[in-house]
Amino acid sequence: FSSAGARHGITDLKLGTVIDGETEA
């Protein structure tokens, strides 16, 4: 996040079947 890294707000749209959320990469 400090590097303005790639990140997405989690919605129904995803790749594959699993997506997990975190506050930092």
PDB file of all heavy atoms in Angstrom:
ATOM      1  N   PHE A   1       0.833  -1.205   0.000  1.00  0.00           N
ATOM      2  CA  PHE A   1       0.000   0.000   0.000  1.00  0.00           C
ATOM      3  C   PHE A   1       0.868   1.255   0.000  1.00  0.00           C
ATOM      4  O   PHE A   1       0.565   2.241  -0.667  1.00  0.00           O
ATOM      5  CB  PHE A   1      -0.927   0.001   1.221  1.00  0.00           C
ATOM      6  CG  PHE A   1      -1.872   1.166   1.272  1.00  0.00           C
ATOM      7  CD1 PHE A   1      -2.939   1.241   0.388  1.00  0.00           C
ATOM      8  CD2 PHE A   1      -1.699   2.187   2.184  1.00  0.00           C
ATOM      9  CE1 PHE A   1      -3.818   2.319   0.418  1.00  0.00           C
ATOM     10  CE2 PHE A   1      -2.572   3.272   2.228  1.00  0.00           C
ATOM     11  CZ  PHE A   1      -3.631   3.333   1.338  1.00  0.00           C
ATOM     12  N   SER A   2       1.978   1.225   0.737  1.00  0.00           N
ATOM     13  CA  SER A   2       2.868   2.380   0.787  1.00  0.00           C
ATOM     14  C   SER A   2       3.507   2.669  -0.557  1.00  0.00           C
ATOM     15  O   SER A   2       3.978   3.775  -0.806  1.00  0.00           O
ATOM     16  CB  SER A   2       3.961   2.148   1.836  1.00  0.00           C
ATOM     17  OG  SER A   2       4.725   0.993   1.522  1.00  0.00           O
ATOM     18  N   SER A   3       3.534   1.700  -1.443  1.00  0.00           N
ATOM     19  CA  SER A   3       4.075   1.873  -2.797  1.00  0.00           C
ATOM     20  C   SER A   3       2.975   2.131  -3.815  1.00  0.00           C
ATOM     21  O   SER A   3       3.220   2.030  -5.017  1.00  0.00           O
ATOM     22  CB  SER A   3       4.865   0.623  -3.209  1.00  0.00           C
ATOM     23  OG  SER A   3       5.886   0.328  -2.285  1.00  0.00           O
ATOM     24  N   ALA A   4       1.761   2.477  -3.351  1.00  0.00           N
ATOM     25  CA  ALA A   4       0.597   2.636  -4.230  1.00  0.00           C
ATOM     26  C   ALA A   4       0.408   1.386  -5.081  1.00  0.00           C
ATOM     27  O   ALA A   4       0.151   1.454  -6.277  1.00  0.00           O
ATOM     28  CB  ALA A   4       0.740   3.891  -5.101  1.00  0.00           C
ATOM     29  N   GLY A   5       0.561   0.230  -4.428  1.00  0.00           N
ATOM     30  CA  GLY A   5       0.512  -1.037  -5.142  1.00  0.00           C
ATOM     31  C   GLY A   5      -0.852  -1.378  -5.699  1.00  0.00           C
ATOM     32  O   GLY A   5      -1.868  -0.756  -5.372  1.00  0.00           O
ATOM     33  N   ALA A   6      -0.882  -2.402  -6.539  1.00  0.00           N
ATOM     34  CA  ALA A   6      -2.132  -2.870  -7.137  1.00  0.00           C
ATOM     35  C   ALA A   6      -3.057  -3.395  -6.043  1.00  0.00           C
ATOM     36  O   ALA A   6      -2.659  -4.226  -5.227  1.00  0.00           O
ATOM     37  CB  ALA A   6      -1.842  -3.960  -8.164  1.00  0.00           C
ATOM     38  N   ARG A   7      -4.313  -2.923  -6.033  1.00  0.00           N
ATOM     39  CA  ARG A   7      -5.272  -3.351  -5.019  1.00  0.00           C
ATOM     40  C   ARG A   7      -6.682  -3.103  -5.537  1.00  0.00           C
ATOM     41  O   ARG A   7      -6.908  -2.216  -6.350  1.00  0.00           O
ATOM     42  CB  ARG A   7      -5.047  -2.607  -3.697  1.00  0.00           C
ATOM     43  CG  ARG A   7      -5.166  -1.108  -3.835  1.00  0.00           C
ATOM     44  CD  ARG A   7      -4.436  -0.362  -2.715  1.00  0.00           C
ATOM     45  NE  ARG A   7      -4.675   1.077  -2.810  1.00  0.00           N
ATOM     46  CZ  ARG A   7      -4.008   1.881  -3.628  1.00  0.00           C
ATOM     47  NH1 ARG A   7      -3.073   1.413  -4.418  1.00  0.00           N
ATOM     48  NH2 ARG A   7      -4.288   3.177  -3.655  1.00  0.00           N
ATOM     49  N   HIS A   8      -7.616  -3.895  -5.045  1.00  0.00           N
ATOM     50  CA  HIS A   8      -9.002  -3.829  -5.513  1.00  0.00           C
ATOM     51  C   HIS A   8      -9.946  -3.893  -4.326  1.00  0.00           C
ATOM     52  O   HIS A   8      -9.699  -4.642  -3.365  1.00  0.00           O
ATOM     53  CB  HIS A   8      -9.315  -5.004  -6.455  1.00  0.00           C
ATOM     54  CG  HIS A   8      -8.558  -4.987  -7.741  1.00  0.00           C
ATOM     55  ND1 HIS A   8      -9.159  -4.784  -8.952  1.00  0.00           N
ATOM     56  CD2 HIS A   8      -7.238  -5.139  -8.009  1.00  0.00           C
ATOM     57  CE1 HIS A   8      -8.251  -4.823  -9.909  1.00  0.00           C
ATOM     58  NE2 HIS A   8      -7.070  -5.040  -9.360  1.00  0.00           N
ATOM     59  N   GLY A   9     -11.022  -3.123  -4.387  1.00  0.00           N
ATOM     60  CA  GLY A   9     -12.111  -3.314  -3.452  1.00  0.00           C
ATOM     61  C   GLY A   9     -12.835  -4.600  -3.813  1.00  0.00           C
ATOM     62  O   GLY A   9     -13.178  -4.831  -4.970  1.00  0.00           O
ATOM     63  N   ILE A  10     -13.051  -5.465  -2.837  1.00  0.00           N
ATOM     64  CA  ILE A  10     -13.632  -6.776  -3.123  1.00  0.00           C
ATOM     65  C   ILE A  10     -15.126  -6.649  -3.378  1.00  0.00           C
ATOM     66  O   ILE A  10     -15.871  -6.106  -2.559  1.00  0.00           O
ATOM     67  CB  ILE A  10     -13.356  -7.745  -1.955  1.00  0.00           C
ATOM     68  CG1 ILE A  10     -11.847  -8.000  -1.839  1.00  0.00           C
ATOM     69  CG2 ILE A  10     -14.106  -9.060  -2.156  1.00  0.00           C
ATOM     70  CD1 ILE A  10     -11.469  -8.896  -0.670  1.00  0.00           C
ATOM     71  N   THR A  11     -15.543  -7.150  -4.539  1.00  0.00           N
ATOM     72  CA  THR A  11     -16.957  -7.220  -4.924  1.00  0.00           C
ATOM     73  C   THR A  11     -17.228  -8.638  -5.417  1.00  0.00           C
ATOM     74  O   THR A  11     -16.440  -9.547  -5.160  1.00  0.00           O
ATOM     75  CB  THR A  11     -17.262  -6.186  -6.021  1.00  0.00           C
ATOM     76  OG1 THR A  11     -16.474  -6.484  -7.186  1.00  0.00           O
ATOM     77  CG2 THR A  11     -16.927  -4.772  -5.554  1.00  0.00           C
ATOM     78  N   ASP A  12     -18.288  -8.824  -6.162  1.00  0.00           N
ATOM     79  CA  ASP A  12     -18.569 -10.155  -6.712  1.00  0.00           C
ATOM     80  C   ASP A  12     -17.637 -10.511  -7.865  1.00  0.00           C
ATOM     81  O   ASP A  12     -17.483 -11.684  -8.207  1.00  0.00           O
ATOM     82  CB  ASP A  12     -20.020 -10.224  -7.204  1.00  0.00           C
ATOM     83  CG  ASP A  12     -21.023 -10.159  -6.059  1.00  0.00           C
ATOM     84  OD1 ASP A  12     -20.636 -10.513  -4.926  1.00  0.00           O
ATOM     85  OD2 ASP A  12     -22.167  -9.732  -6.295  1.00  0.00           O
ATOM     86  N   LEU A  13     -17.016  -9.509  -8.484  1.00  0.00           N
ATOM     87  CA  LEU A  13     -16.154  -9.747  -9.641  1.00  0.00           C
ATOM     88  C   LEU A  13     -14.798 -10.271  -9.182  1.00  0.00           C
ATOM     89  O   LEU A  13     -14.117  -9.631  -8.372  1.00  0.00           O
ATOM     90  CB  LEU A  13     -15.974  -8.442 -10.425  1.00  0.00           C
ATOM     91  CG  LEU A  13     -15.072  -8.498 -11.663  1.00  0.00           C
ATOM     92  CD1 LEU A  13     -15.628  -9.451 -12.705  1.00  0.00           C
ATOM     93  CD2 LEU A  13     -14.895  -7.101 -12.252  1.00  0.00           C
ATOM     94  N   LYS A  14     -14.374 -11.423  -9.720  1.00  0.00           N
ATOM     95  CA  LYS A  14     -13.101 -11.997  -9.278  1.00  0.00           C
ATOM     96  C   LYS A  14     -12.572 -12.993 -10.302  1.00  0.00           C
ATOM     97  O   LYS A  14     -13.276 -13.440 -11.211  1.00  0.00           O
ATOM     98  CB  LYS A  14     -13.270 -12.688  -7.927  1.00  0.00           C
ATOM     99  CG  LYS A  14     -14.314 -13.802  -7.906  1.00  0.00           C
ATOM    100  CD  LYS A  14     -14.533 -14.306  -6.479  1.00  0.00           C
ATOM    101  CE  LYS A  14     -15.662 -15.348  -6.443  1.00  0.00           C
ATOM    102  NZ  LYS A  14     -15.924 -15.817  -5.055  1.00  0.00           N
ATOM    103  N   LEU A  15     -11.292 -13.332 -10.115  1.00  0.00           N
ATOM    104  CA  LEU A  15     -10.638 -14.379 -10.894  1.00  0.00           C
ATOM    105  C   LEU A  15     -10.660 -15.660 -10.076  1.00  0.00           C
ATOM    106  O   LEU A  15     -10.250 -15.675  -8.907  1.00  0.00           O
ATOM    107  CB  LEU A  15      -9.185 -13.987 -11.205  1.00  0.00           C
ATOM    108  CG  LEU A  15      -9.000 -12.829 -12.184  1.00  0.00           C
ATOM    109  CD1 LEU A  15      -7.546 -12.337 -12.166  1.00  0.00           C
ATOM    110  CD2 LEU A  15      -9.384 -13.247 -13.600  1.00  0.00           C
ATOM    111  N   GLY A  16     -11.131 -16.742 -10.670  1.00  0.00           N
ATOM    112  CA  GLY A  16     -11.244 -17.995  -9.929  1.00  0.00           C
ATOM    113  C   GLY A  16     -12.378 -17.949  -8.935  1.00  0.00           C
ATOM    114  O   GLY A  16     -13.316 -17.147  -9.048  1.00  0.00           O
ATOM    115  N   THR A  17     -12.298 -18.809  -7.932  1.00  0.00           N
ATOM    116  CA  THR A  17     -13.401 -18.918  -6.968  1.00  0.00           C
ATOM    117  C   THR A  17     -13.057 -18.350  -5.597  1.00  0.00           C
ATOM    118  O   THR A  17     -13.945 -18.129  -4.784  1.00  0.00           O
ATOM    119  CB  THR A  17     -13.799 -20.399  -6.791  1.00  0.00           C
ATOM    120  OG1 THR A  17     -12.654 -21.141  -6.328  1.00  0.00           O
ATOM    121  CG2 THR A  17     -14.280 -20.993  -8.107  1.00  0.00           C
ATOM    122  N   VAL A  18     -11.757 -18.116  -5.343  1.00  0.00           N
ATOM    123  CA  VAL A  18     -11.335 -17.684  -4.002  1.00  0.00           C
ATOM    124  C   VAL A  18     -10.747 -16.282  -4.081  1.00  0.00           C
ATOM    125  O   VAL A  18      -9.962 -15.968  -4.979  1.00  0.00           O
ATOM    126  CB  VAL A  18     -10.282 -18.650  -3.407  1.00  0.00           C
ATOM    127  CG1 VAL A  18      -9.847 -18.179  -2.026  1.00  0.00           C
ATOM    128  CG2 VAL A  18     -10.839 -20.068  -3.343  1.00  0.00           C
ATOM    129  N   ILE A  19     -11.136 -15.431  -3.149  1.00  0.00           N
ATOM    130  CA  ILE A  19     -10.534 -14.111  -2.997  1.00  0.00           C
ATOM    131  C   ILE A  19     -10.500 -13.798  -1.505  1.00  0.00           C
ATOM    132  O   ILE A  19     -11.461 -14.078  -0.792  1.00  0.00           O
ATOM    133  CB  ILE A  19     -11.310 -13.032  -3.785  1.00  0.00           C
ATOM    134  CG1 ILE A  19     -10.601 -11.674  -3.703  1.00  0.00           C
ATOM    135  CG2 ILE A  19     -12.742 -12.924  -3.314  1.00  0.00           C
ATOM    136  CD1 ILE A  19     -11.204 -10.629  -4.637  1.00  0.00           C
ATOM    137  N   ASP A  20      -9.373 -13.290  -1.036  1.00  0.00           N
ATOM    138  CA  ASP A  20      -9.316 -12.955   0.384  1.00  0.00           C
ATOM    139  C   ASP A  20      -8.895 -11.507   0.561  1.00  0.00           C
ATOM    140  O   ASP A  20      -8.212 -10.929  -0.279  1.00  0.00           O
ATOM    141  CB  ASP A  20      -8.391 -13.903   1.173  1.00  0.00           C
ATOM    142  CG  ASP A  20      -6.993 -13.997   0.572  1.00  0.00           C
ATOM    143  OD1 ASP A  20      -6.646 -13.142  -0.260  1.00  0.00           O
ATOM    144  OD2 ASP A  20      -6.253 -14.922   0.934  1.00  0.00           O
ATOM    145  N   GLY A  21      -9.355 -10.918   1.645  1.00  0.00           N
ATOM    146  CA  GLY A  21      -9.085  -9.516   1.914  1.00  0.00           C
ATOM    147  C   GLY A  21      -8.022  -9.335   2.977  1.00  0.00           C
ATOM    148  O   GLY A  21      -7.873 -10.173   3.865  1.00  0.00           O
ATOM    149  N   GLU A  22      -7.272  -8.253   2.861  1.00  0.00           N
ATOM    150  CA  GLU A  22      -6.273  -7.912   3.853  1.00  0.00           C
ATOM    151  C   GLU A  22      -6.071  -6.397   3.848  1.00  0.00           C
ATOM    152  O   GLU A  22      -6.422  -5.733   2.878  1.00  0.00           O
ATOM    153  CB  GLU A  22      -4.938  -8.612   3.587  1.00  0.00           C
ATOM    154  CG  GLU A  22      -4.358  -8.381   2.200  1.00  0.00           C
ATOM    155  CD  GLU A  22      -4.660  -9.513   1.227  1.00  0.00           C
ATOM    156  OE1 GLU A  22      -4.945 -10.625   1.669  1.00  0.00           O
ATOM    157  OE2 GLU A  22      -4.646  -9.260   0.006  1.00  0.00           O
ATOM    158  N   THR A  23      -5.518  -5.882   4.926  1.00  0.00           N
ATOM    159  CA  THR A  23      -5.280  -4.441   5.013  1.00  0.00           C
ATOM    160  C   THR A  23      -3.909  -4.050   4.483  1.00  0.00           C
ATOM    161  O   THR A  23      -3.589  -2.868   4.422  1.00  0.00           O
ATOM    162  CB  THR A  23      -5.407  -3.957   6.463  1.00  0.00           C
ATOM    163  OG1 THR A  23      -4.470  -4.671   7.281  1.00  0.00           O
ATOM    164  CG2 THR A  23      -6.816  -4.183   6.986  1.00  0.00           C
ATOM    165  N   GLU A  24      -3.099  -5.021   4.116  1.00  0.00           N
ATOM    166  CA  GLU A  24      -1.792  -4.755   3.523  1.00  0.00           C
ATOM    167  C   GLU A  24      -1.371  -5.973   2.714  1.00  0.00           C
ATOM    168  O   GLU A  24      -1.759  -7.109   3.031  1.00  0.00           O
ATOM    169  CB  GLU A  24      -0.752  -4.458   4.606  1.00  0.00           C
ATOM    170  CG  GLU A  24       0.672  -4.205   4.112  1.00  0.00           C
ATOM    171  CD  GLU A  24       0.790  -3.056   3.121  1.00  0.00           C
ATOM    172  OE1 GLU A  24       0.398  -3.245   1.945  1.00  0.00           O
ATOM    173  OE2 GLU A  24       1.275  -1.981   3.522  1.00  0.00           O
ATOM    174  N   ALA A  25      -0.590  -5.733   1.663  1.00  0.00           N
ATOM    175  CA  ALA A  25      -0.094  -6.831   0.850  1.00  0.00           C
ATOM    176  C   ALA A  25       0.960  -7.630   1.611  1.00  0.00           C
ATOM    177  O   ALA A  25       1.694  -7.084   2.434  1.00  0.00           O
ATOM    178  CB  ALA A  25       0.501  -6.282  -0.436  1.00  0.00           C
TER     179      ALA A  25
END
